[in-house]
């Protein structure tokens, strides 16, 4: 079903979405992808409701259940393994949340959910809040994406402050033991000296992924497409040397599997695939394919052997309902 979006409706979603939609890369980074030959998109998981605008997706490593966040309402949906219809797991407004972005599920089956100012930890069996970590600058941050390293440390990008916060396993255990009271996030990486100059309010750091050993993380500046390698052992960060392709601007979510890095480009309905060097300091763009059926993709996850992509429909003049997570192939 297609419905026309009401004028001004997206403006009500808040400053973070406005920043995403305002991105307008210039030069080679704005080039359209090559023809869509080879990239196919099919429906995989359907979401209930007409105001979902999904943003984040995560897979429970124990059960195979899929969790999807709603940028527009803050709700979180769950699709049990083997099912193609998601249901509400955490309703809109849970813990005062009116938007939800990055999400992940740890090895203990606990669900992590970002809103603009905090990341909250939930029990997937009961939906109970276990812990909450708040930015030291509420109202001046956009906590966008998050990832967990193999040792259980959580890393969260702040798109307005060019920071990556870190929550250690000890901090997580202490917060859970204390009954879920608010804790303040600590900075793990400060990338202000590396991120290119930009206008105030620009959405910069976005997707983040750990390599399979936890030896480094990769994050991306959505405004320029610059990739950065983060070293958890030293706290250091360097810009990744990227060769090939038409640029990586409007890069949103990342998927990293050994030396293969996939990037969802929100602004150009494109997927890029790169090969990383063994140490993550260099990358080569192997393929970039676009398809309007991606519907402004925000991030990806590997599920049942296929890449599943979040089709946000942010900014679409006409909505294609129901909202859904797509399955892609060809890249």
C-alpha atoms as a PDB file:
ATOM      1  CA  UNK A   1       0.000   0.000   0.000  1.00  0.00           C
ATOM      2  CA  UNK A   2       1.300   3.448  -0.902  1.00  0.00           C
ATOM      3  CA  UNK A   3       0.234   6.568   0.973  1.00  0.00           C
ATOM      4  CA  UNK A   4       1.268  10.189   0.531  1.00  0.00           C
ATOM      5  CA  UNK A   5       3.277  11.555   3.435  1.00  0.00           C
ATOM      6  CA  UNK A   6       1.766  14.658   5.014  1.00  0.00           C
ATOM      7  CA  UNK A   7       3.837  17.843   4.529  1.00  0.00           C
ATOM      8  CA  UNK A   8       5.966  18.742   7.524  1.00  0.00           C
ATOM      9  CA  UNK A   9       5.427  15.412   9.206  1.00  0.00           C
ATOM     10  CA  UNK A  10       9.113  14.507   9.354  1.00  0.00           C
ATOM     11  CA  UNK A  11       9.947  17.832  10.980  1.00  0.00           C
ATOM     12  CA  UNK A  12       8.175  16.596  14.080  1.00  0.00           C
ATOM     13  CA  UNK A  13      10.648  13.763  14.450  1.00  0.00           C
ATOM     14  CA  UNK A  14      13.323  16.045  15.867  1.00  0.00           C
ATOM     15  CA  UNK A  15      16.650  17.644  15.159  1.00  0.00           C
ATOM     16  CA  UNK A  16      18.556  14.423  14.606  1.00  0.00           C
ATOM     17  CA  UNK A  17      16.393  13.399  11.653  1.00  0.00           C
ATOM     18  CA  UNK A  18      16.487  16.924  10.283  1.00  0.00           C
ATOM     19  CA  UNK A  19      20.261  16.723  10.307  1.00  0.00           C
ATOM     20  CA  UNK A  20      20.205  13.430   8.447  1.00  0.00           C
ATOM     21  CA  UNK A  21      17.907  14.747   5.750  1.00  0.00           C
ATOM     22  CA  UNK A  22      19.913  17.959   5.376  1.00  0.00           C
ATOM     23  CA  UNK A  23      23.045  16.131   4.307  1.00  0.00           C
ATOM     24  CA  UNK A  24      23.993  17.192   0.785  1.00  0.00           C
ATOM     25  CA  UNK A  25      27.454  15.939  -0.109  1.00  0.00           C
ATOM     26  CA  UNK A  26      29.355  17.723  -2.872  1.00  0.00           C
ATOM     27  CA  UNK A  27      31.850  16.626  -5.497  1.00  0.00           C
ATOM     28  CA  UNK A  28      32.707  13.003  -6.226  1.00  0.00           C
ATOM     29  CA  UNK A  29      31.093  11.800  -2.999  1.00  0.00           C
ATOM     30  CA  UNK A  30      27.697  12.817  -4.360  1.00  0.00           C
ATOM     31  CA  UNK A  31      28.031  10.805  -7.540  1.00  0.00           C
ATOM     32  CA  UNK A  32      25.182   8.411  -8.230  1.00  0.00           C
ATOM     33  CA  UNK A  33      26.017   4.721  -7.938  1.00  0.00           C
ATOM     34  CA  UNK A  34      26.495   2.596 -11.017  1.00  0.00           C
ATOM     35  CA  UNK A  35      23.445   0.868 -12.432  1.00  0.00           C
ATOM     36  CA  UNK A  36      21.554  -1.386 -10.040  1.00  0.00           C
ATOM     37  CA  UNK A  37      22.252  -4.528 -12.046  1.00  0.00           C
ATOM     38  CA  UNK A  38      22.911  -7.374  -9.639  1.00  0.00           C
ATOM     39  CA  UNK A  39      21.512  -5.784  -6.463  1.00  0.00           C
ATOM     40  CA  UNK A  40      18.133  -7.198  -5.516  1.00  0.00           C
ATOM     41  CA  UNK A  41      15.947  -6.303  -2.550  1.00  0.00           C
ATOM     42  CA  UNK A  42      13.054  -8.411  -1.281  1.00  0.00           C
ATOM     43  CA  UNK A  43      10.788  -8.121   1.758  1.00  0.00           C
ATOM     44  CA  UNK A  44      11.932 -10.126   4.788  1.00  0.00           C
ATOM     45  CA  UNK A  45      10.314  -8.850   8.022  1.00  0.00           C
ATOM     46  CA  UNK A  46       7.148  -6.742   8.135  1.00  0.00           C
ATOM     47  CA  UNK A  47       6.561  -4.135  10.855  1.00  0.00           C
ATOM     48  CA  UNK A  48       3.136  -3.123  12.192  1.00  0.00           C
ATOM     49  CA  UNK A  49       1.978   0.484  12.109  1.00  0.00           C
ATOM     50  CA  UNK A  50       2.140   3.495   9.801  1.00  0.00           C
ATOM     51  CA  UNK A  51       4.635   5.611  11.780  1.00  0.00           C
ATOM     52  CA  UNK A  52       7.506   3.207  12.376  1.00  0.00           C
ATOM     53  CA  UNK A  53      10.356   4.611  10.268  1.00  0.00           C
ATOM     54  CA  UNK A  54      12.759   1.847  11.371  1.00  0.00           C
ATOM     55  CA  UNK A  55      16.370   2.732  12.096  1.00  0.00           C
ATOM     56  CA  UNK A  56      18.341   0.006  13.905  1.00  0.00           C
ATOM     57  CA  UNK A  57      18.399  -3.794  13.746  1.00  0.00           C
ATOM     58  CA  UNK A  58      20.077  -6.472  15.843  1.00  0.00           C
ATOM     59  CA  UNK A  59      20.085 -10.255  16.077  1.00  0.00           C
ATOM     60  CA  UNK A  60      19.997 -12.212  19.342  1.00  0.00           C
ATOM     61  CA  UNK A  61      22.975 -14.595  19.008  1.00  0.00           C
ATOM     62  CA  UNK A  62      21.306 -17.204  21.245  1.00  0.00           C
ATOM     63  CA  UNK A  63      17.825 -17.371  19.718  1.00  0.00           C
ATOM     64  CA  UNK A  64      18.041 -15.791  16.271  1.00  0.00           C
ATOM     65  CA  UNK A  65      15.283 -13.312  17.199  1.00  0.00           C
ATOM     66  CA  UNK A  66      15.475  -9.982  15.368  1.00  0.00           C
ATOM     67  CA  UNK A  67      15.012  -6.616  17.112  1.00  0.00           C
ATOM     68  CA  UNK A  68      14.199  -3.412  15.206  1.00  0.00           C
ATOM     69  CA  UNK A  69      14.049   0.144  16.554  1.00  0.00           C
ATOM     70  CA  UNK A  70      11.695   2.943  15.504  1.00  0.00           C
ATOM     71  CA  UNK A  71      13.202   6.383  15.043  1.00  0.00           C
ATOM     72  CA  UNK A  72       9.772   7.985  14.921  1.00  0.00           C
ATOM     73  CA  UNK A  73       8.281   6.590  18.139  1.00  0.00           C
ATOM     74  CA  UNK A  74      11.022   4.992  20.236  1.00  0.00           C
ATOM     75  CA  UNK A  75       9.322   1.599  20.105  1.00  0.00           C
ATOM     76  CA  UNK A  76      11.292  -1.627  19.683  1.00  0.00           C
ATOM     77  CA  UNK A  77       9.911  -4.556  17.679  1.00  0.00           C
ATOM     78  CA  UNK A  78      10.799  -8.240  17.823  1.00  0.00           C
ATOM     79  CA  UNK A  79      10.472 -10.926  15.154  1.00  0.00           C
ATOM     80  CA  UNK A  80      11.113 -14.410  16.581  1.00  0.00           C
ATOM     81  CA  UNK A  81      13.387 -16.656  14.557  1.00  0.00           C
ATOM     82  CA  UNK A  82      11.548 -18.098  11.558  1.00  0.00           C
ATOM     83  CA  UNK A  83       8.796 -15.456  11.582  1.00  0.00           C
ATOM     84  CA  UNK A  84       8.355 -12.674   9.039  1.00  0.00           C
ATOM     85  CA  UNK A  85       6.006 -10.469  11.079  1.00  0.00           C
ATOM     86  CA  UNK A  86       7.442  -8.383  13.933  1.00  0.00           C
ATOM     87  CA  UNK A  87       5.462  -7.390  17.017  1.00  0.00           C
ATOM     88  CA  UNK A  88       5.949  -4.627  19.576  1.00  0.00           C
ATOM     89  CA  UNK A  89       8.446  -5.654  22.258  1.00  0.00           C
ATOM     90  CA  UNK A  90       8.955  -2.278  23.975  1.00  0.00           C
ATOM     91  CA  UNK A  91       6.140   0.236  23.344  1.00  0.00           C
ATOM     92  CA  UNK A  92       6.693   3.820  22.295  1.00  0.00           C
ATOM     93  CA  UNK A  93       7.514   5.974  25.312  1.00  0.00           C
ATOM     94  CA  UNK A  94       9.267   3.223  27.274  1.00  0.00           C
ATOM     95  CA  UNK A  95      11.614   4.946  29.758  1.00  0.00           C
ATOM     96  CA  UNK A  96      10.499   8.262  28.283  1.00  0.00           C
ATOM     97  CA  UNK A  97      11.947   7.399  24.878  1.00  0.00           C
ATOM     98  CA  UNK A  98      10.364   9.015  21.802  1.00  0.00           C
ATOM     99  CA  UNK A  99      13.058   7.896  19.375  1.00  0.00           C
ATOM    100  CA  UNK A 100      15.285   4.831  19.119  1.00  0.00           C
ATOM    101  CA  UNK A 101      18.323   4.349  16.929  1.00  0.00           C
ATOM    102  CA  UNK A 102      21.247   1.959  17.357  1.00  0.00           C
ATOM    103  CA  UNK A 103      20.646  -1.416  18.937  1.00  0.00           C
ATOM    104  CA  UNK A 104      22.498  -4.639  19.717  1.00  0.00           C
ATOM    105  CA  UNK A 105      22.056  -7.846  21.690  1.00  0.00           C
ATOM    106  CA  UNK A 106      24.939  -9.126  23.803  1.00  0.00           C
ATOM    107  CA  UNK A 107      26.024 -12.702  24.436  1.00  0.00           C
ATOM    108  CA  UNK A 108      23.882 -12.792  27.569  1.00  0.00           C
ATOM    109  CA  UNK A 109      20.787 -11.963  25.556  1.00  0.00           C
ATOM    110  CA  UNK A 110      20.446  -8.406  26.857  1.00  0.00           C
ATOM    111  CA  UNK A 111      19.094  -5.764  24.487  1.00  0.00           C
ATOM    112  CA  UNK A 112      20.850  -2.420  24.055  1.00  0.00           C
ATOM    113  CA  UNK A 113      18.860   0.557  22.706  1.00  0.00           C
ATOM    114  CA  UNK A 114      20.106   4.082  21.944  1.00  0.00           C
ATOM    115  CA  UNK A 115      18.041   7.223  22.060  1.00  0.00           C
ATOM    116  CA  UNK A 116      19.501  10.685  21.519  1.00  0.00           C
ATOM    117  CA  UNK A 117      20.847  11.073  25.050  1.00  0.00           C
ATOM    118  CA  UNK A 118      21.183   7.584  26.519  1.00  0.00           C
ATOM    119  CA  UNK A 119      21.665   3.892  25.932  1.00  0.00           C
ATOM    120  CA  UNK A 120      19.435   1.532  27.907  1.00  0.00           C
ATOM    121  CA  UNK A 121      19.901  -2.152  28.640  1.00  0.00           C
ATOM    122  CA  UNK A 122      16.899  -4.529  28.767  1.00  0.00           C
ATOM    123  CA  UNK A 123      16.157  -8.117  29.687  1.00  0.00           C
ATOM    124  CA  UNK A 124      14.853  -9.773  26.518  1.00  0.00           C
ATOM    125  CA  UNK A 125      12.862 -12.314  28.542  1.00  0.00           C
ATOM    126  CA  UNK A 126      10.844  -9.769  30.508  1.00  0.00           C
ATOM    127  CA  UNK A 127      11.468  -6.374  28.917  1.00  0.00           C
ATOM    128  CA  UNK A 128      12.710  -5.087  32.286  1.00  0.00           C
ATOM    129  CA  UNK A 129      15.182  -2.230  32.336  1.00  0.00           C
ATOM    130  CA  UNK A 130      18.560  -3.381  33.656  1.00  0.00           C
ATOM    131  CA  UNK A 131      20.787  -0.319  33.264  1.00  0.00           C
ATOM    132  CA  UNK A 132      20.929   3.094  31.627  1.00  0.00           C
ATOM    133  CA  UNK A 133      23.926   5.193  30.622  1.00  0.00           C
ATOM    134  CA  UNK A 134      23.377   8.889  29.843  1.00  0.00           C
ATOM    135  CA  UNK A 135      25.537  11.283  27.838  1.00  0.00           C
ATOM    136  CA  UNK A 136      27.256  13.974  29.940  1.00  0.00           C
ATOM    137  CA  UNK A 137      25.722  16.563  27.571  1.00  0.00           C
ATOM    138  CA  UNK A 138      21.964  15.862  27.314  1.00  0.00           C
ATOM    139  CA  UNK A 139      20.356  17.842  24.513  1.00  0.00           C
ATOM    140  CA  UNK A 140      23.706  18.333  22.798  1.00  0.00           C
ATOM    141  CA  UNK A 141      24.294  14.746  21.704  1.00  0.00           C
ATOM    142  CA  UNK A 142      22.886  12.268  19.223  1.00  0.00           C
ATOM    143  CA  UNK A 143      23.794   8.747  20.321  1.00  0.00           C
ATOM    144  CA  UNK A 144      23.535   7.031  16.990  1.00  0.00           C
ATOM    145  CA  UNK A 145      24.991   3.559  16.616  1.00  0.00           C
ATOM    146  CA  UNK A 146      26.576   1.043  18.966  1.00  0.00           C
ATOM    147  CA  UNK A 147      28.547  -2.168  18.847  1.00  0.00           C
ATOM    148  CA  UNK A 148      29.920  -4.693  21.305  1.00  0.00           C
ATOM    149  CA  UNK A 149      33.431  -6.140  21.213  1.00  0.00           C
ATOM    150  CA  UNK A 150      34.007  -9.830  22.028  1.00  0.00           C
ATOM    151  CA  UNK A 151      35.000  -8.984  25.628  1.00  0.00           C
ATOM    152  CA  UNK A 152      31.572  -7.391  26.222  1.00  0.00           C
ATOM    153  CA  UNK A 153      32.599  -3.731  26.025  1.00  0.00           C
ATOM    154  CA  UNK A 154      30.030  -1.429  24.408  1.00  0.00           C
ATOM    155  CA  UNK A 155      30.990   1.459  22.114  1.00  0.00           C
ATOM    156  CA  UNK A 156      28.502   4.192  21.142  1.00  0.00           C
ATOM    157  CA  UNK A 157      28.930   6.966  18.554  1.00  0.00           C
ATOM    158  CA  UNK A 158      27.892  10.530  19.339  1.00  0.00           C
ATOM    159  CA  UNK A 159      27.054  12.122  15.979  1.00  0.00           C
ATOM    160  CA  UNK A 160      27.076  15.712  17.207  1.00  0.00           C
ATOM    161  CA  UNK A 161      30.178  15.660  19.414  1.00  0.00           C
ATOM    162  CA  UNK A 162      32.516  13.435  17.343  1.00  0.00           C
ATOM    163  CA  UNK A 163      32.993  11.131  20.312  1.00  0.00           C
ATOM    164  CA  UNK A 164      32.773   7.391  20.849  1.00  0.00           C
ATOM    165  CA  UNK A 165      31.697   6.439  24.353  1.00  0.00           C
ATOM    166  CA  UNK A 166      32.844   3.243  26.037  1.00  0.00           C
ATOM    167  CA  UNK A 167      31.081   1.092  28.649  1.00  0.00           C
ATOM    168  CA  UNK A 168      33.241  -1.633  30.147  1.00  0.00           C
ATOM    169  CA  UNK A 169      31.939  -5.006  31.376  1.00  0.00           C
ATOM    170  CA  UNK A 170      32.712  -3.872  34.939  1.00  0.00           C
ATOM    171  CA  UNK A 171      30.618  -0.712  34.488  1.00  0.00           C
ATOM    172  CA  UNK A 172      27.774  -2.760  33.041  1.00  0.00           C
ATOM    173  CA  UNK A 173      27.828  -5.240  35.937  1.00  0.00           C
ATOM    174  CA  UNK A 174      27.933  -2.437  38.501  1.00  0.00           C
ATOM    175  CA  UNK A 175      25.005  -0.595  36.896  1.00  0.00           C
ATOM    176  CA  UNK A 176      22.903  -3.775  36.703  1.00  0.00           C
ATOM    177  CA  UNK A 177      23.709  -4.634  40.336  1.00  0.00           C
ATOM    178  CA  UNK A 178      22.627  -1.132  41.376  1.00  0.00           C
ATOM    179  CA  UNK A 179      19.164  -1.721  39.934  1.00  0.00           C
ATOM    180  CA  UNK A 180      19.336   0.215  36.676  1.00  0.00           C
ATOM    181  CA  UNK A 181      19.829   3.750  37.992  1.00  0.00           C
ATOM    182  CA  UNK A 182      21.318   6.248  35.544  1.00  0.00           C
ATOM    183  CA  UNK A 183      25.074   6.242  35.029  1.00  0.00           C
ATOM    184  CA  UNK A 184      27.097   8.767  33.003  1.00  0.00           C
ATOM    185  CA  UNK A 185      28.848   7.713  29.813  1.00  0.00           C
ATOM    186  CA  UNK A 186      32.636   8.003  29.583  1.00  0.00           C
ATOM    187  CA  UNK A 187      34.547   8.922  26.439  1.00  0.00           C
ATOM    188  CA  UNK A 188      36.531   6.115  24.839  1.00  0.00           C
ATOM    189  CA  UNK A 189      37.666   7.987  21.712  1.00  0.00           C
ATOM    190  CA  UNK A 190      37.686  11.693  20.835  1.00  0.00           C
ATOM    191  CA  UNK A 191      37.781  12.156  17.041  1.00  0.00           C
ATOM    192  CA  UNK A 192      37.436  15.941  16.921  1.00  0.00           C
ATOM    193  CA  UNK A 193      40.978  16.296  15.591  1.00  0.00           C
ATOM    194  CA  UNK A 194      40.281  13.784  12.789  1.00  0.00           C
ATOM    195  CA  UNK A 195      36.744  14.583  11.634  1.00  0.00           C
ATOM    196  CA  UNK A 196      36.703  17.142   8.814  1.00  0.00           C
ATOM    197  CA  UNK A 197      35.434  20.661   9.619  1.00  0.00           C
ATOM    198  CA  UNK A 198      31.661  20.917   9.348  1.00  0.00           C
ATOM    199  CA  UNK A 199      28.751  23.190  10.158  1.00  0.00           C
ATOM    200  CA  UNK A 200      27.403  23.083  13.691  1.00  0.00           C
ATOM    201  CA  UNK A 201      24.669  20.473  14.035  1.00  0.00           C
ATOM    202  CA  UNK A 202      25.962  18.250  11.217  1.00  0.00           C
ATOM    203  CA  UNK A 203      25.500  14.526  11.751  1.00  0.00           C
ATOM    204  CA  UNK A 204      29.022  13.060  11.594  1.00  0.00           C
ATOM    205  CA  UNK A 205      30.034   9.801  13.319  1.00  0.00           C
ATOM    206  CA  UNK A 206      27.456   7.130  12.640  1.00  0.00           C
ATOM    207  CA  UNK A 207      27.898   3.386  12.123  1.00  0.00           C
ATOM    208  CA  UNK A 208      30.449   1.472  14.183  1.00  0.00           C
ATOM    209  CA  UNK A 209      31.600  -2.151  13.978  1.00  0.00           C
ATOM    210  CA  UNK A 210      34.182  -4.238  15.828  1.00  0.00           C
ATOM    211  CA  UNK A 211      36.339  -6.731  13.992  1.00  0.00           C
ATOM    212  CA  UNK A 212      35.806 -10.364  14.992  1.00  0.00           C
ATOM    213  CA  UNK A 213      38.786 -10.357  17.386  1.00  0.00           C
ATOM    214  CA  UNK A 214      38.016  -7.065  19.102  1.00  0.00           C
ATOM    215  CA  UNK A 215      41.426  -5.752  18.055  1.00  0.00           C
ATOM    216  CA  UNK A 216      39.962  -2.661  16.379  1.00  0.00           C
ATOM    217  CA  UNK A 217      36.709  -0.918  15.503  1.00  0.00           C
ATOM    218  CA  UNK A 218      35.693   0.904  12.329  1.00  0.00           C
ATOM    219  CA  UNK A 219      33.428   3.957  12.393  1.00  0.00           C
ATOM    220  CA  UNK A 220      32.332   6.360   9.674  1.00  0.00           C
ATOM    221  CA  UNK A 221      31.725  10.085   9.281  1.00  0.00           C
ATOM    222  CA  UNK A 222      28.371  10.248   7.503  1.00  0.00           C
ATOM    223  CA  UNK A 223      28.987  13.767   6.197  1.00  0.00           C
ATOM    224  CA  UNK A 224      32.203  12.978   4.319  1.00  0.00           C
ATOM    225  CA  UNK A 225      32.361   9.187   4.122  1.00  0.00           C
ATOM    226  CA  UNK A 226      35.692   9.112   5.957  1.00  0.00           C
ATOM    227  CA  UNK A 227      36.371   5.850   7.786  1.00  0.00           C
ATOM    228  CA  UNK A 228      38.308   5.694  11.048  1.00  0.00           C
ATOM    229  CA  UNK A 229      40.078   2.821  12.781  1.00  0.00           C
ATOM    230  CA  UNK A 230      39.821   2.821  16.580  1.00  0.00           C
ATOM    231  CA  UNK A 231      42.277   0.909  18.793  1.00  0.00           C
ATOM    232  CA  UNK A 232      40.690  -0.186  22.099  1.00  0.00           C
ATOM    233  CA  UNK A 233      44.087  -1.130  23.535  1.00  0.00           C
ATOM    234  CA  UNK A 234      45.594   2.335  23.146  1.00  0.00           C
ATOM    235  CA  UNK A 235      42.641   4.674  22.711  1.00  0.00           C
ATOM    236  CA  UNK A 236      44.161   5.836  19.444  1.00  0.00           C
ATOM    237  CA  UNK A 237      42.326   6.558  16.198  1.00  0.00           C
ATOM    238  CA  UNK A 238      43.488   6.972  12.598  1.00  0.00           C
ATOM    239  CA  UNK A 239      41.805   7.674   9.289  1.00  0.00           C
ATOM    240  CA  UNK A 240      41.491   4.610   7.058  1.00  0.00           C
ATOM    241  CA  UNK A 241      43.131   4.973   3.632  1.00  0.00           C
ATOM    242  CA  UNK A 242      40.384   4.158   1.103  1.00  0.00           C
ATOM    243  CA  UNK A 243      40.973   3.492  -2.582  1.00  0.00           C
ATOM    244  CA  UNK A 244      38.451   3.214  -5.408  1.00  0.00           C
ATOM    245  CA  UNK A 245      34.752   3.877  -5.668  1.00  0.00           C
ATOM    246  CA  UNK A 246      32.699   7.044  -6.023  1.00  0.00           C
ATOM    247  CA  UNK A 247      33.047   8.108  -2.390  1.00  0.00           C
ATOM    248  CA  UNK A 248      31.373   6.957   0.821  1.00  0.00           C
ATOM    249  CA  UNK A 249      29.365  10.031   1.847  1.00  0.00           C
ATOM    250  CA  UNK A 250      25.931   9.496   3.439  1.00  0.00           C
ATOM    251  CA  UNK A 251      27.339   6.259   4.898  1.00  0.00           C
ATOM    252  CA  UNK A 252      25.095   5.152   7.735  1.00  0.00           C
ATOM    253  CA  UNK A 253      25.233   1.604   9.144  1.00  0.00           C
ATOM    254  CA  UNK A 254      28.154  -0.801   8.775  1.00  0.00           C
ATOM    255  CA  UNK A 255      28.482  -4.577   8.656  1.00  0.00           C
ATOM    256  CA  UNK A 256      31.979  -6.007   9.179  1.00  0.00           C
ATOM    257  CA  UNK A 257      32.774  -9.685   8.643  1.00  0.00           C
ATOM    258  CA  UNK A 258      36.498 -10.446   8.826  1.00  0.00           C
ATOM    259  CA  UNK A 259      37.995  -8.387   5.964  1.00  0.00           C
ATOM    260  CA  UNK A 260      34.677  -7.503   4.278  1.00  0.00           C
ATOM    261  CA  UNK A 261      32.927  -4.242   5.144  1.00  0.00           C
ATOM    262  CA  UNK A 262      29.452  -3.388   3.830  1.00  0.00           C
ATOM    263  CA  UNK A 263      28.118   0.160   4.101  1.00  0.00           C
ATOM    264  CA  UNK A 264      24.481   1.283   3.822  1.00  0.00           C
ATOM    265  CA  UNK A 265      24.246   4.732   2.218  1.00  0.00           C
ATOM    266  CA  UNK A 266      21.151   6.451   3.515  1.00  0.00           C
ATOM    267  CA  UNK A 267      21.256   9.394   1.110  1.00  0.00           C
ATOM    268  CA  UNK A 268      21.893   7.576  -2.174  1.00  0.00           C
ATOM    269  CA  UNK A 269      20.044   4.251  -1.810  1.00  0.00           C
ATOM    270  CA  UNK A 270      23.336   2.452  -2.264  1.00  0.00           C
ATOM    271  CA  UNK A 271      25.336  -0.376  -0.710  1.00  0.00           C
ATOM    272  CA  UNK A 272      29.142  -0.376  -0.824  1.00  0.00           C
ATOM    273  CA  UNK A 273      31.364  -3.386  -0.229  1.00  0.00           C
ATOM    274  CA  UNK A 274      34.994  -2.863   0.764  1.00  0.00           C
ATOM    275  CA  UNK A 275      37.907  -5.148   1.525  1.00  0.00           C
ATOM    276  CA  UNK A 276      39.889  -4.138   4.620  1.00  0.00           C
ATOM    277  CA  UNK A 277      43.573  -4.742   5.165  1.00  0.00           C
ATOM    278  CA  UNK A 278      44.361  -7.230   7.933  1.00  0.00           C
ATOM    279  CA  UNK A 279      45.024  -4.409  10.408  1.00  0.00           C
ATOM    280  CA  UNK A 280      42.061  -2.251   9.336  1.00  0.00           C
ATOM    281  CA  UNK A 281      44.179   0.747   8.337  1.00  0.00           C
ATOM    282  CA  UNK A 282      43.412   0.556   4.595  1.00  0.00           C
ATOM    283  CA  UNK A 283      40.454  -0.431   2.435  1.00  0.00           C
ATOM    284  CA  UNK A 284      39.582  -0.918  -1.214  1.00  0.00           C
ATOM    285  CA  UNK A 285      36.074  -0.289  -2.564  1.00  0.00           C
ATOM    286  CA  UNK A 286      35.187  -3.460  -4.461  1.00  0.00           C
ATOM    287  CA  UNK A 287      31.607  -2.721  -5.482  1.00  0.00           C
ATOM    288  CA  UNK A 288      28.943  -0.024  -5.122  1.00  0.00           C
ATOM    289  CA  UNK A 289      25.393  -0.755  -6.237  1.00  0.00           C
ATOM    290  CA  UNK A 290      22.207   1.234  -5.861  1.00  0.00           C
ATOM    291  CA  UNK A 291      18.538   0.368  -5.988  1.00  0.00           C
ATOM    292  CA  UNK A 292      15.569   2.628  -5.097  1.00  0.00           C
ATOM    293  CA  UNK A 293      14.004  -0.400  -3.390  1.00  0.00           C
ATOM    294  CA  UNK A 294      16.502   0.124  -0.550  1.00  0.00           C
ATOM    295  CA  UNK A 295      14.224   3.015   0.513  1.00  0.00           C
ATOM    296  CA  UNK A 296      16.891   5.026   2.359  1.00  0.00           C
ATOM    297  CA  UNK A 297      18.774   2.226   4.138  1.00  0.00           C
ATOM    298  CA  UNK A 298      20.174   2.872   7.598  1.00  0.00           C
ATOM    299  CA  UNK A 299      21.960  -0.316   8.650  1.00  0.00           C
ATOM    300  CA  UNK A 300      22.383  -4.054   8.088  1.00  0.00           C
ATOM    301  CA  UNK A 301      22.691  -7.401   9.850  1.00  0.00           C
ATOM    302  CA  UNK A 302      23.571 -10.903   8.690  1.00  0.00           C
ATOM    303  CA  UNK A 303      20.588 -13.211   9.255  1.00  0.00           C
ATOM    304  CA  UNK A 304      20.105 -16.792   8.012  1.00  0.00           C
ATOM    305  CA  UNK A 305      23.044 -16.416   5.650  1.00  0.00           C
ATOM    306  CA  UNK A 306      21.740 -13.234   3.980  1.00  0.00           C
ATOM    307  CA  UNK A 307      22.257  -9.529   4.581  1.00  0.00           C
ATOM    308  CA  UNK A 308      19.113  -7.878   5.905  1.00  0.00           C
ATOM    309  CA  UNK A 309      18.805  -4.100   5.538  1.00  0.00           C
ATOM    310  CA  UNK A 310      16.663  -1.543   7.357  1.00  0.00           C
ATOM    311  CA  UNK A 311      14.509   0.375   4.851  1.00  0.00           C
ATOM    312  CA  UNK A 312      13.805   3.547   6.819  1.00  0.00           C
ATOM    313  CA  UNK A 313      11.801   5.554   4.248  1.00  0.00           C
ATOM    314  CA  UNK A 314      12.970   8.722   6.034  1.00  0.00           C
ATOM    315  CA  UNK A 315      12.060  11.663   3.802  1.00  0.00           C
ATOM    316  CA  UNK A 316      10.053   9.642   1.278  1.00  0.00           C
ATOM    317  CA  UNK A 317       7.269  11.668  -0.342  1.00  0.00           C
ATOM    318  CA  UNK A 318       5.146   8.520  -0.588  1.00  0.00           C
ATOM    319  CA  UNK A 319       5.280   5.737   1.985  1.00  0.00           C
ATOM    320  CA  UNK A 320       5.321   2.112   0.898  1.00  0.00           C
ATOM    321  CA  UNK A 321       3.423   0.321   3.679  1.00  0.00           C
ATOM    322  CA  UNK A 322       3.856  -1.767   5.636  1.00  0.00           C
ATOM    323  CA  UNK A 323       7.368  -0.792   6.696  1.00  0.00           C
ATOM    324  CA  UNK A 324       9.734  -3.713   6.450  1.00  0.00           C
ATOM    325  CA  UNK A 325      13.265  -5.028   6.691  1.00  0.00           C
ATOM    326  CA  UNK A 326      14.600  -6.116   3.303  1.00  0.00           C
ATOM    327  CA  UNK A 327      16.842  -8.973   2.253  1.00  0.00           C
ATOM    328  CA  UNK A 328      19.539  -8.052  -0.257  1.00  0.00           C
ATOM    329  CA  UNK A 329      21.713 -10.081  -2.592  1.00  0.00           C
ATOM    330  CA  UNK A 330      24.197  -9.387  -5.351  1.00  0.00           C
ATOM    331  CA  UNK A 331      26.781  -7.508  -3.303  1.00  0.00           C
END
